[in-house]
Amino acid sequence: MSIFTKAFNRLGGYDSLAERFPGGPEPQGTQAAIHVPWAEIRAAQSALLYWRNAARLTCGDPAAGTITVWQPVWDAAGPLWQAARAAGPPPPASTDAPAT
């Protein structure tokens, strides 16, 4: 990963998202993967990304950061987000240790 990418990730908030929403082991030479559950997307606002219509998604409460996606991608994915919001929060993960 280049110095530019590392700086961009830190300043742009990607590192905060990757810490809060880990997506698995970091591939060699690239940035960490993230996995933001639908229920963790708190807001979607209109935005521009490289002069094209996009949606800026706020992730987490409190917000860990934002992700910006092209509008056609959000148009396809938005109904999944709406369904997750309507379903409510998932049950908390069990903290009980498995019996051995």
PDB file of N, CA and C in Angstrom:
ATOM      1  N   MET A   1       0.855  -1.162   0.000  1.00  0.00           N
ATOM      2  CA  MET A   1       0.000   0.000   0.000  1.00  0.00           C
ATOM      3  C   MET A   1       0.905   1.231   0.000  1.00  0.00           C
ATOM      4  N   SER A   2       0.542   2.203  -0.802  1.00  0.00           N
ATOM      5  CA  SER A   2       1.375   3.403  -0.920  1.00  0.00           C
ATOM      6  C   SER A   2       1.183   4.343   0.270  1.00  0.00           C
ATOM      7  N   ILE A   3       2.126   5.239   0.450  1.00  0.00           N
ATOM      8  CA  ILE A   3       2.012   6.259   1.495  1.00  0.00           C
ATOM      9  C   ILE A   3       0.769   7.110   1.248  1.00  0.00           C
ATOM     10  N   PHE A   4       0.481   7.413  -0.025  1.00  0.00           N
ATOM     11  CA  PHE A   4      -0.708   8.203  -0.358  1.00  0.00           C
ATOM     12  C   PHE A   4      -1.971   7.478   0.106  1.00  0.00           C
ATOM     13  N   THR A   5      -2.059   6.167  -0.177  1.00  0.00           N
ATOM     14  CA  THR A   5      -3.241   5.400   0.221  1.00  0.00           C
ATOM     15  C   THR A   5      -3.385   5.368   1.735  1.00  0.00           C
ATOM     16  N   LYS A   6      -2.277   5.164   2.443  1.00  0.00           N
ATOM     17  CA  LYS A   6      -2.329   5.142   3.911  1.00  0.00           C
ATOM     18  C   LYS A   6      -2.818   6.477   4.463  1.00  0.00           C
ATOM     19  N   ALA A   7      -2.290   7.572   3.920  1.00  0.00           N
ATOM     20  CA  ALA A   7      -2.706   8.901   4.384  1.00  0.00           C
ATOM     21  C   ALA A   7      -4.170   9.142   4.054  1.00  0.00           C
ATOM     22  N   PHE A   8      -4.590   8.775   2.846  1.00  0.00           N
ATOM     23  CA  PHE A   8      -5.983   8.962   2.439  1.00  0.00           C
ATOM     24  C   PHE A   8      -6.914   8.158   3.334  1.00  0.00           C
ATOM     25  N   ASN A   9      -6.538   6.912   3.646  1.00  0.00           N
ATOM     26  CA  ASN A   9      -7.370   6.078   4.519  1.00  0.00           C
ATOM     27  C   ASN A   9      -7.525   6.696   5.898  1.00  0.00           C
ATOM     28  N   ARG A  10      -6.430   7.220   6.444  1.00  0.00           N
ATOM     29  CA  ARG A  10      -6.487   7.812   7.778  1.00  0.00           C
ATOM     30  C   ARG A  10      -7.309   9.101   7.756  1.00  0.00           C
ATOM     31  N   LEU A  11      -6.986   9.998   6.829  1.00  0.00           N
ATOM     32  CA  LEU A  11      -7.683  11.294   6.770  1.00  0.00           C
ATOM     33  C   LEU A  11      -9.130  11.156   6.302  1.00  0.00           C
ATOM     34  N   GLY A  12      -9.389  10.210   5.425  1.00  0.00           N
ATOM     35  CA  GLY A  12     -10.733  10.034   4.887  1.00  0.00           C
ATOM     36  C   GLY A  12     -11.653   9.229   5.777  1.00  0.00           C
ATOM     37  N   GLY A  13     -11.119   8.643   6.844  1.00  0.00           N
ATOM     38  CA  GLY A  13     -11.956   7.902   7.779  1.00  0.00           C
ATOM     39  C   GLY A  13     -12.069   6.416   7.500  1.00  0.00           C
ATOM     40  N   TYR A  14     -11.399   5.926   6.446  1.00  0.00           N
ATOM     41  CA  TYR A  14     -11.503   4.506   6.129  1.00  0.00           C
ATOM     42  C   TYR A  14     -10.963   3.639   7.265  1.00  0.00           C
ATOM     43  N   ASP A  15      -9.872   4.078   7.879  1.00  0.00           N
ATOM     44  CA  ASP A  15      -9.297   3.304   8.978  1.00  0.00           C
ATOM     45  C   ASP A  15     -10.283   3.148  10.132  1.00  0.00           C
ATOM     46  N   SER A  16     -11.052   4.201  10.425  1.00  0.00           N
ATOM     47  CA  SER A  16     -12.056   4.130  11.498  1.00  0.00           C
ATOM     48  C   SER A  16     -13.150   3.130  11.149  1.00  0.00           C
ATOM     49  N   LEU A  17     -13.580   3.145   9.881  1.00  0.00           N
ATOM     50  CA  LEU A  17     -14.596   2.185   9.454  1.00  0.00           C
ATOM     51  C   LEU A  17     -14.065   0.758   9.535  1.00  0.00           C
ATOM     52  N   ALA A  18     -12.827   0.549   9.097  1.00  0.00           N
ATOM     53  CA  ALA A  18     -12.236  -0.792   9.117  1.00  0.00           C
ATOM     54  C   ALA A  18     -12.064  -1.306  10.548  1.00  0.00           C
ATOM     55  N   GLU A  19     -11.764  -0.406  11.474  1.00  0.00           N
ATOM     56  CA  GLU A  19     -11.619  -0.804  12.872  1.00  0.00           C
ATOM     57  C   GLU A  19     -12.961  -1.176  13.474  1.00  0.00           C
ATOM     58  N   ARG A  20     -13.988  -0.401  13.168  1.00  0.00           N
ATOM     59  CA  ARG A  20     -15.322  -0.621  13.744  1.00  0.00           C
ATOM     60  C   ARG A  20     -16.081  -1.752  13.061  1.00  0.00           C
ATOM     61  N   PHE A  21     -15.848  -1.920  11.749  1.00  0.00           N
ATOM     62  CA  PHE A  21     -16.576  -2.918  10.963  1.00  0.00           C
ATOM     63  C   PHE A  21     -15.585  -3.805  10.194  1.00  0.00           C
ATOM     64  N   PRO A  22     -14.815  -4.630  10.889  1.00  0.00           N
ATOM     65  CA  PRO A  22     -13.809  -5.441  10.198  1.00  0.00           C
ATOM     66  C   PRO A  22     -14.461  -6.432   9.237  1.00  0.00           C
ATOM     67  N   GLY A  23     -13.825  -6.605   8.102  1.00  0.00           N
ATOM     68  CA  GLY A  23     -14.351  -7.508   7.081  1.00  0.00           C
ATOM     69  C   GLY A  23     -13.518  -8.755   6.898  1.00  0.00           C
ATOM     70  N   GLY A  24     -12.611  -9.000   7.803  1.00  0.00           N
ATOM     71  CA  GLY A  24     -11.770 -10.179   7.694  1.00  0.00           C
ATOM     72  C   GLY A  24     -10.312  -9.778   7.665  1.00  0.00           C
ATOM     73  N   PRO A  25      -9.452 -10.754   7.458  1.00  0.00           N
ATOM     74  CA  PRO A  25      -8.021 -10.458   7.459  1.00  0.00           C
ATOM     75  C   PRO A  25      -7.645  -9.500   6.323  1.00  0.00           C
ATOM     76  N   GLU A  26      -6.668  -8.657   6.584  1.00  0.00           N
ATOM     77  CA  GLU A  26      -6.225  -7.688   5.580  1.00  0.00           C
ATOM     78  C   GLU A  26      -5.426  -8.400   4.499  1.00  0.00           C
ATOM     79  N   PRO A  27      -5.839  -8.244   3.236  1.00  0.00           N
ATOM     80  CA  PRO A  27      -5.077  -8.871   2.153  1.00  0.00           C
ATOM     81  C   PRO A  27      -3.683  -8.257   2.072  1.00  0.00           C
ATOM     82  N   GLN A  28      -2.696  -9.065   1.709  1.00  0.00           N
ATOM     83  CA  GLN A  28      -1.321  -8.588   1.629  1.00  0.00           C
ATOM     84  C   GLN A  28      -1.212  -7.480   0.579  1.00  0.00           C
ATOM     85  N   GLY A  29      -0.632  -6.340   1.009  1.00  0.00           N
ATOM     86  CA  GLY A  29      -0.356  -5.247   0.087  1.00  0.00           C
ATOM     87  C   GLY A  29      -1.512  -4.321  -0.201  1.00  0.00           C
ATOM     88  N   THR A  30      -2.668  -4.580   0.360  1.00  0.00           N
ATOM     89  CA  THR A  30      -3.836  -3.703   0.123  1.00  0.00           C
ATOM     90  C   THR A  30      -4.442  -3.282   1.441  1.00  0.00           C
ATOM     91  N   GLN A  31      -5.532  -2.524   1.387  1.00  0.00           N
ATOM     92  CA  GLN A  31      -6.163  -2.019   2.598  1.00  0.00           C
ATOM     93  C   GLN A  31      -7.128  -3.035   3.203  1.00  0.00           C
ATOM     94  N   ALA A  32      -7.424  -2.829   4.473  1.00  0.00           N
ATOM     95  CA  ALA A  32      -8.323  -3.724   5.199  1.00  0.00           C
ATOM     96  C   ALA A  32      -9.713  -3.709   4.577  1.00  0.00           C
ATOM     97  N   ALA A  33     -10.334  -4.875   4.584  1.00  0.00           N
ATOM     98  CA  ALA A  33     -11.713  -4.985   4.105  1.00  0.00           C
ATOM     99  C   ALA A  33     -12.652  -4.501   5.203  1.00  0.00           C
ATOM    100  N   ILE A  34     -13.805  -4.002   4.814  1.00  0.00           N
ATOM    101  CA  ILE A  34     -14.819  -3.621   5.799  1.00  0.00           C
ATOM    102  C   ILE A  34     -16.115  -4.355   5.489  1.00  0.00           C
ATOM    103  N   HIS A  35     -16.923  -4.545   6.521  1.00  0.00           N
ATOM    104  CA  HIS A  35     -18.242  -5.158   6.386  1.00  0.00           C
ATOM    105  C   HIS A  35     -19.188  -4.360   7.269  1.00  0.00           C
ATOM    106  N   VAL A  36     -19.996  -3.524   6.646  1.00  0.00           N
ATOM    107  CA  VAL A  36     -20.958  -2.703   7.380  1.00  0.00           C
ATOM    108  C   VAL A  36     -22.324  -3.360   7.233  1.00  0.00           C
ATOM    109  N   PRO A  37     -22.895  -3.893   8.328  1.00  0.00           N
ATOM    110  CA  PRO A  37     -24.236  -4.481   8.247  1.00  0.00           C
ATOM    111  C   PRO A  37     -25.266  -3.429   7.824  1.00  0.00           C
ATOM    112  N   TRP A  38     -26.284  -3.856   7.099  1.00  0.00           N
ATOM    113  CA  TRP A  38     -27.319  -2.918   6.636  1.00  0.00           C
ATOM    114  C   TRP A  38     -27.871  -2.085   7.789  1.00  0.00           C
ATOM    115  N   ALA A  39     -28.089  -2.729   8.936  1.00  0.00           N
ATOM    116  CA  ALA A  39     -28.699  -2.030  10.070  1.00  0.00           C
ATOM    117  C   ALA A  39     -27.794  -0.939  10.634  1.00  0.00           C
ATOM    118  N   GLU A  40     -26.513  -0.927  10.295  1.00  0.00           N
ATOM    119  CA  GLU A  40     -25.588   0.090  10.791  1.00  0.00           C
ATOM    120  C   GLU A  40     -25.530   1.329   9.899  1.00  0.00           C
ATOM    121  N   ILE A  41     -26.213   1.296   8.764  1.00  0.00           N
ATOM    122  CA  ILE A  41     -26.287   2.491   7.911  1.00  0.00           C
ATOM    123  C   ILE A  41     -27.393   3.366   8.484  1.00  0.00           C
ATOM    124  N   ARG A  42     -26.997   4.524   9.005  1.00  0.00           N
ATOM    125  CA  ARG A  42     -27.928   5.384   9.736  1.00  0.00           C
ATOM    126  C   ARG A  42     -28.598   6.432   8.878  1.00  0.00           C
ATOM    127  N   ALA A  43     -27.967   6.864   7.798  1.00  0.00           N
ATOM    128  CA  ALA A  43     -28.552   7.911   6.951  1.00  0.00           C
ATOM    129  C   ALA A  43     -27.964   7.805   5.561  1.00  0.00           C
ATOM    130  N   ALA A  44     -28.743   8.248   4.585  1.00  0.00           N
ATOM    131  CA  ALA A  44     -28.278   8.325   3.194  1.00  0.00           C
ATOM    132  C   ALA A  44     -28.614   9.719   2.688  1.00  0.00           C
ATOM    133  N   GLN A  45     -27.604  10.428   2.207  1.00  0.00           N
ATOM    134  CA  GLN A  45     -27.790  11.786   1.706  1.00  0.00           C
ATOM    135  C   GLN A  45     -27.283  11.867   0.276  1.00  0.00           C
ATOM    136  N   SER A  46     -27.887  12.741  -0.503  1.00  0.00           N
ATOM    137  CA  SER A  46     -27.420  12.970  -1.870  1.00  0.00           C
ATOM    138  C   SER A  46     -26.023  13.580  -1.835  1.00  0.00           C
ATOM    139  N   ALA A  47     -25.204  13.180  -2.795  1.00  0.00           N
ATOM    140  CA  ALA A  47     -23.835  13.669  -2.886  1.00  0.00           C
ATOM    141  C   ALA A  47     -23.380  13.587  -4.335  1.00  0.00           C
ATOM    142  N   LEU A  48     -22.206  14.103  -4.582  1.00  0.00           N
ATOM    143  CA  LEU A  48     -21.555  13.953  -5.878  1.00  0.00           C
ATOM    144  C   LEU A  48     -20.257  13.198  -5.677  1.00  0.00           C
ATOM    145  N   LEU A  49     -19.952  12.300  -6.583  1.00  0.00           N
ATOM    146  CA  LEU A  49     -18.695  11.562  -6.569  1.00  0.00           C
ATOM    147  C   LEU A  49     -18.135  11.625  -7.979  1.00  0.00           C
ATOM    148  N   TYR A  50     -17.042  12.352  -8.116  1.00  0.00           N
ATOM    149  CA  TYR A  50     -16.448  12.572  -9.436  1.00  0.00           C
ATOM    150  C   TYR A  50     -17.492  13.110 -10.415  1.00  0.00           C
ATOM    151  N   TRP A  51     -18.221  14.105  -9.979  1.00  0.00           N
ATOM    152  CA  TRP A  51     -19.205  14.847 -10.774  1.00  0.00           C
ATOM    153  C   TRP A  51     -20.390  13.995 -11.225  1.00  0.00           C
ATOM    154  N   ARG A  52     -20.618  12.893 -10.536  1.00  0.00           N
ATOM    155  CA  ARG A  52     -21.775  12.042 -10.827  1.00  0.00           C
ATOM    156  C   ARG A  52     -22.621  11.936  -9.570  1.00  0.00           C
ATOM    157  N   ASN A  53     -23.920  11.737  -9.746  1.00  0.00           N
ATOM    158  CA  ASN A  53     -24.823  11.585  -8.611  1.00  0.00           C
ATOM    159  C   ASN A  53     -24.438  10.350  -7.794  1.00  0.00           C
ATOM    160  N   ALA A  54     -24.478  10.537  -6.485  1.00  0.00           N
ATOM    161  CA  ALA A  54     -24.081   9.473  -5.561  1.00  0.00           C
ATOM    162  C   ALA A  54     -24.894   9.597  -4.281  1.00  0.00           C
ATOM    163  N   ALA A  55     -24.693   8.645  -3.381  1.00  0.00           N
ATOM    164  CA  ALA A  55     -25.308   8.677  -2.052  1.00  0.00           C
ATOM    165  C   ALA A  55     -24.193   8.534  -1.020  1.00  0.00           C
ATOM    166  N   ARG A  56     -24.208   9.399   0.005  1.00  0.00           N
ATOM    167  CA  ARG A  56     -23.243   9.321   1.098  1.00  0.00           C
ATOM    168  C   ARG A  56     -23.947   8.643   2.268  1.00  0.00           C
ATOM    169  N   LEU A  57     -23.411   7.509   2.696  1.00  0.00           N
ATOM    170  CA  LEU A  57     -24.019   6.694   3.740  1.00  0.00           C
ATOM    171  C   LEU A  57     -23.267   6.884   5.051  1.00  0.00           C
ATOM    172  N   THR A  58     -23.980   7.259   6.103  1.00  0.00           N
ATOM    173  CA  THR A  58     -23.390   7.390   7.436  1.00  0.00           C
ATOM    174  C   THR A  58     -23.462   6.026   8.107  1.00  0.00           C
ATOM    175  N   CYS A  59     -22.324   5.561   8.611  1.00  0.00           N
ATOM    176  CA  CYS A  59     -22.227   4.210   9.164  1.00  0.00           C
ATOM    177  C   CYS A  59     -21.957   4.246  10.662  1.00  0.00           C
ATOM    178  N   GLY A  60     -22.831   3.592  11.420  1.00  0.00           N
ATOM    179  CA  GLY A  60     -22.641   3.461  12.856  1.00  0.00           C
ATOM    180  C   GLY A  60     -23.296   4.556  13.659  1.00  0.00           C
ATOM    181  N   ASP A  61     -23.525   4.252  14.943  1.00  0.00           N
ATOM    182  CA  ASP A  61     -24.095   5.218  15.873  1.00  0.00           C
ATOM    183  C   ASP A  61     -23.382   5.038  17.214  1.00  0.00           C
ATOM    184  N   PRO A  62     -22.487   5.932  17.569  1.00  0.00           N
ATOM    185  CA  PRO A  62     -22.142   7.160  16.863  1.00  0.00           C
ATOM    186  C   PRO A  62     -21.440   6.845  15.548  1.00  0.00           C
ATOM    187  N   ALA A  63     -21.478   7.809  14.652  1.00  0.00           N
ATOM    188  CA  ALA A  63     -20.946   7.608  13.311  1.00  0.00           C
ATOM    189  C   ALA A  63     -19.459   7.273  13.348  1.00  0.00           C
ATOM    190  N   ALA A  64     -19.104   6.183  12.652  1.00  0.00           N
ATOM    191  CA  ALA A  64     -17.698   5.803  12.511  1.00  0.00           C
ATOM    192  C   ALA A  64     -17.119   6.398  11.241  1.00  0.00           C
ATOM    193  N   GLY A  65     -17.987   6.800  10.325  1.00  0.00           N
ATOM    194  CA  GLY A  65     -17.531   7.380   9.068  1.00  0.00           C
ATOM    195  C   GLY A  65     -18.629   7.309   8.032  1.00  0.00           C
ATOM    196  N   THR A  66     -18.268   7.642   6.811  1.00  0.00           N
ATOM    197  CA  THR A  66     -19.220   7.598   5.705  1.00  0.00           C
ATOM    198  C   THR A  66     -18.616   6.817   4.542  1.00  0.00           C
ATOM    199  N   ILE A  67     -19.505   6.305   3.718  1.00  0.00           N
ATOM    200  CA  ILE A  67     -19.138   5.641   2.475  1.00  0.00           C
ATOM    201  C   ILE A  67     -19.960   6.310   1.385  1.00  0.00           C
ATOM    202  N   THR A  68     -19.339   6.625   0.270  1.00  0.00           N
ATOM    203  CA  THR A  68     -20.056   7.228  -0.852  1.00  0.00           C
ATOM    204  C   THR A  68     -20.091   6.231  -1.991  1.00  0.00           C
ATOM    205  N   VAL A  69     -21.300   5.995  -2.513  1.00  0.00           N
ATOM    206  CA  VAL A  69     -21.486   5.045  -3.619  1.00  0.00           C
ATOM    207  C   VAL A  69     -22.247   5.733  -4.743  1.00  0.00           C
ATOM    208  N   TRP A  70     -22.021   5.271  -5.977  1.00  0.00           N
ATOM    209  CA  TRP A  70     -22.741   5.829  -7.118  1.00  0.00           C
ATOM    210  C   TRP A  70     -24.239   5.669  -6.907  1.00  0.00           C
ATOM    211  N   GLN A  71     -25.020   6.609  -7.396  1.00  0.00           N
ATOM    212  CA  GLN A  71     -26.470   6.595  -7.217  1.00  0.00           C
ATOM    213  C   GLN A  71     -27.115   5.321  -7.775  1.00  0.00           C
ATOM    214  N   PRO A  72     -26.733   4.820  -8.974  1.00  0.00           N
ATOM    215  CA  PRO A  72     -27.360   3.578  -9.442  1.00  0.00           C
ATOM    216  C   PRO A  72     -27.119   2.390  -8.511  1.00  0.00           C
ATOM    217  N   VAL A  73     -25.960   2.360  -7.855  1.00  0.00           N
ATOM    218  CA  VAL A  73     -25.682   1.291  -6.885  1.00  0.00           C
ATOM    219  C   VAL A  73     -26.626   1.430  -5.701  1.00  0.00           C
ATOM    220  N   TRP A  74     -26.774   2.669  -5.202  1.00  0.00           N
ATOM    221  CA  TRP A  74     -27.670   2.893  -4.064  1.00  0.00           C
ATOM    222  C   TRP A  74     -29.122   2.648  -4.441  1.00  0.00           C
ATOM    223  N   ASP A  75     -29.501   2.986  -5.664  1.00  0.00           N
ATOM    224  CA  ASP A  75     -30.875   2.731  -6.109  1.00  0.00           C
ATOM    225  C   ASP A  75     -31.197   1.245  -6.040  1.00  0.00           C
ATOM    226  N   ALA A  76     -30.208   0.404  -6.356  1.00  0.00           N
ATOM    227  CA  ALA A  76     -30.407  -1.042  -6.289  1.00  0.00           C
ATOM    228  C   ALA A  76     -30.344  -1.559  -4.850  1.00  0.00           C
ATOM    229  N   ALA A  77     -29.460  -0.976  -4.031  1.00  0.00           N
ATOM    230  CA  ALA A  77     -29.249  -1.468  -2.669  1.00  0.00           C
ATOM    231  C   ALA A  77     -30.175  -0.831  -1.638  1.00  0.00           C
ATOM    232  N   GLY A  78     -30.680   0.346  -1.920  1.00  0.00           N
ATOM    233  CA  GLY A  78     -31.514   1.072  -0.967  1.00  0.00           C
ATOM    234  C   GLY A  78     -32.677   0.267  -0.402  1.00  0.00           C
ATOM    235  N   PRO A  79     -33.411  -0.503  -1.231  1.00  0.00           N
ATOM    236  CA  PRO A  79     -34.510  -1.303  -0.666  1.00  0.00           C
ATOM    237  C   PRO A  79     -34.048  -2.309   0.382  1.00  0.00           C
ATOM    238  N   LEU A  80     -32.837  -2.841   0.248  1.00  0.00           N
ATOM    239  CA  LEU A  80     -32.314  -3.759   1.266  1.00  0.00           C
ATOM    240  C   LEU A  80     -32.104  -3.025   2.586  1.00  0.00           C
ATOM    241  N   TRP A  81     -31.587  -1.793   2.498  1.00  0.00           N
ATOM    242  CA  TRP A  81     -31.395  -0.972   3.690  1.00  0.00           C
ATOM    243  C   TRP A  81     -32.742  -0.665   4.338  1.00  0.00           C
ATOM    244  N   GLN A  82     -33.718  -0.283   3.522  1.00  0.00           N
ATOM    245  CA  GLN A  82     -35.048   0.031   4.059  1.00  0.00           C
ATOM    246  C   GLN A  82     -35.646  -1.191   4.768  1.00  0.00           C
ATOM    247  N   ALA A  83     -35.483  -2.369   4.188  1.00  0.00           N
ATOM    248  CA  ALA A  83     -36.002  -3.594   4.813  1.00  0.00           C
ATOM    249  C   ALA A  83     -35.295  -3.869   6.137  1.00  0.00           C
ATOM    250  N   ALA A  84     -33.987  -3.651   6.186  1.00  0.00           N
ATOM    251  CA  ALA A  84     -33.243  -3.869   7.432  1.00  0.00           C
ATOM    252  C   ALA A  84     -33.692  -2.890   8.506  1.00  0.00           C
ATOM    253  N   ARG A  85     -33.923  -1.644   8.121  1.00  0.00           N
ATOM    254  CA  ARG A  85     -34.394  -0.640   9.097  1.00  0.00           C
ATOM    255  C   ARG A  85     -35.784  -0.989   9.612  1.00  0.00           C
ATOM    256  N   ALA A  86     -36.651  -1.485   8.728  1.00  0.00           N
ATOM    257  CA  ALA A  86     -38.009  -1.848   9.131  1.00  0.00           C
ATOM    258  C   ALA A  86     -37.993  -3.061  10.069  1.00  0.00           C
ATOM    259  N   ALA A  87     -37.033  -3.956   9.882  1.00  0.00           N
ATOM    260  CA  ALA A  87     -36.944  -5.163  10.714  1.00  0.00           C
ATOM    261  C   ALA A  87     -36.439  -4.859  12.114  1.00  0.00           C
ATOM    262  N   GLY A  88     -35.790  -3.723  12.293  1.00  0.00           N
ATOM    263  CA  GLY A  88     -35.267  -3.366  13.613  1.00  0.00           C
ATOM    264  C   GLY A  88     -33.886  -3.932  13.839  1.00  0.00           C
ATOM    265  N   PRO A  89     -33.312  -3.622  14.998  1.00  0.00           N
ATOM    266  CA  PRO A  89     -31.943  -4.071  15.280  1.00  0.00           C
ATOM    267  C   PRO A  89     -31.892  -5.578  15.483  1.00  0.00           C
ATOM    268  N   PRO A  90     -30.764  -6.188  15.122  1.00  0.00           N
ATOM    269  CA  PRO A  90     -30.615  -7.634  15.357  1.00  0.00           C
ATOM    270  C   PRO A  90     -30.470  -7.897  16.847  1.00  0.00           C
ATOM    271  N   PRO A  91     -30.764  -9.119  17.285  1.00  0.00           N
ATOM    272  CA  PRO A  91     -30.593  -9.436  18.705  1.00  0.00           C
ATOM    273  C   PRO A  91     -29.109  -9.356  19.064  1.00  0.00           C
ATOM    274  N   PRO A  92     -28.809  -9.035  20.314  1.00  0.00           N
ATOM    275  CA  PRO A  92     -27.394  -8.949  20.718  1.00  0.00           C
ATOM    276  C   PRO A  92     -26.737 -10.317  20.604  1.00  0.00           C
ATOM    277  N   ALA A  93     -25.458 -10.291  20.302  1.00  0.00           N
ATOM    278  CA  ALA A  93     -24.694 -11.546  20.209  1.00  0.00           C
ATOM    279  C   ALA A  93     -24.573 -12.156  21.591  1.00  0.00           C
ATOM    280  N   SER A  94     -24.597 -13.445  21.660  1.00  0.00           N
ATOM    281  CA  SER A  94     -24.478 -14.150  22.926  1.00  0.00           C
ATOM    282  C   SER A  94     -23.063 -13.996  23.462  1.00  0.00           C
ATOM    283  N   THR A  95     -22.963 -13.734  24.739  1.00  0.00           N
ATOM    284  CA  THR A  95     -21.640 -13.628  25.376  1.00  0.00           C
ATOM    285  C   THR A  95     -21.328 -14.881  26.175  1.00  0.00           C
ATOM    286  N   ASP A  96     -22.239 -15.849  26.148  1.00  0.00           N
ATOM    287  CA  ASP A  96     -22.005 -17.097  26.883  1.00  0.00           C
ATOM    288  C   ASP A  96     -20.939 -17.908  26.177  1.00  0.00           C
ATOM    289  N   ALA A  97     -20.018 -18.442  26.946  1.00  0.00           N
ATOM    290  CA  ALA A  97     -18.997 -19.323  26.376  1.00  0.00           C
ATOM    291  C   ALA A  97     -19.624 -20.682  26.088  1.00  0.00           C
ATOM    292  N   PRO A  98     -19.253 -21.299  24.982  1.00  0.00           N
ATOM    293  CA  PRO A  98     -19.810 -22.626  24.682  1.00  0.00           C
ATOM    294  C   PRO A  98     -19.340 -23.658  25.708  1.00  0.00           C
ATOM    295  N   ALA A  99     -20.203 -24.601  25.978  1.00  0.00           N
ATOM    296  CA  ALA A  99     -19.866 -25.662  26.925  1.00  0.00           C
ATOM    297  C   ALA A  99     -18.809 -26.563  26.307  1.00  0.00           C
ATOM    298  N   THR A 100     -17.878 -26.995  27.108  1.00  0.00           N
ATOM    299  CA  THR A 100     -16.824 -27.889  26.601  1.00  0.00           C
ATOM    300  C   THR A 100     -16.858 -29.210  27.309  1.00  0.00           C
TER     301      THR A 100
END
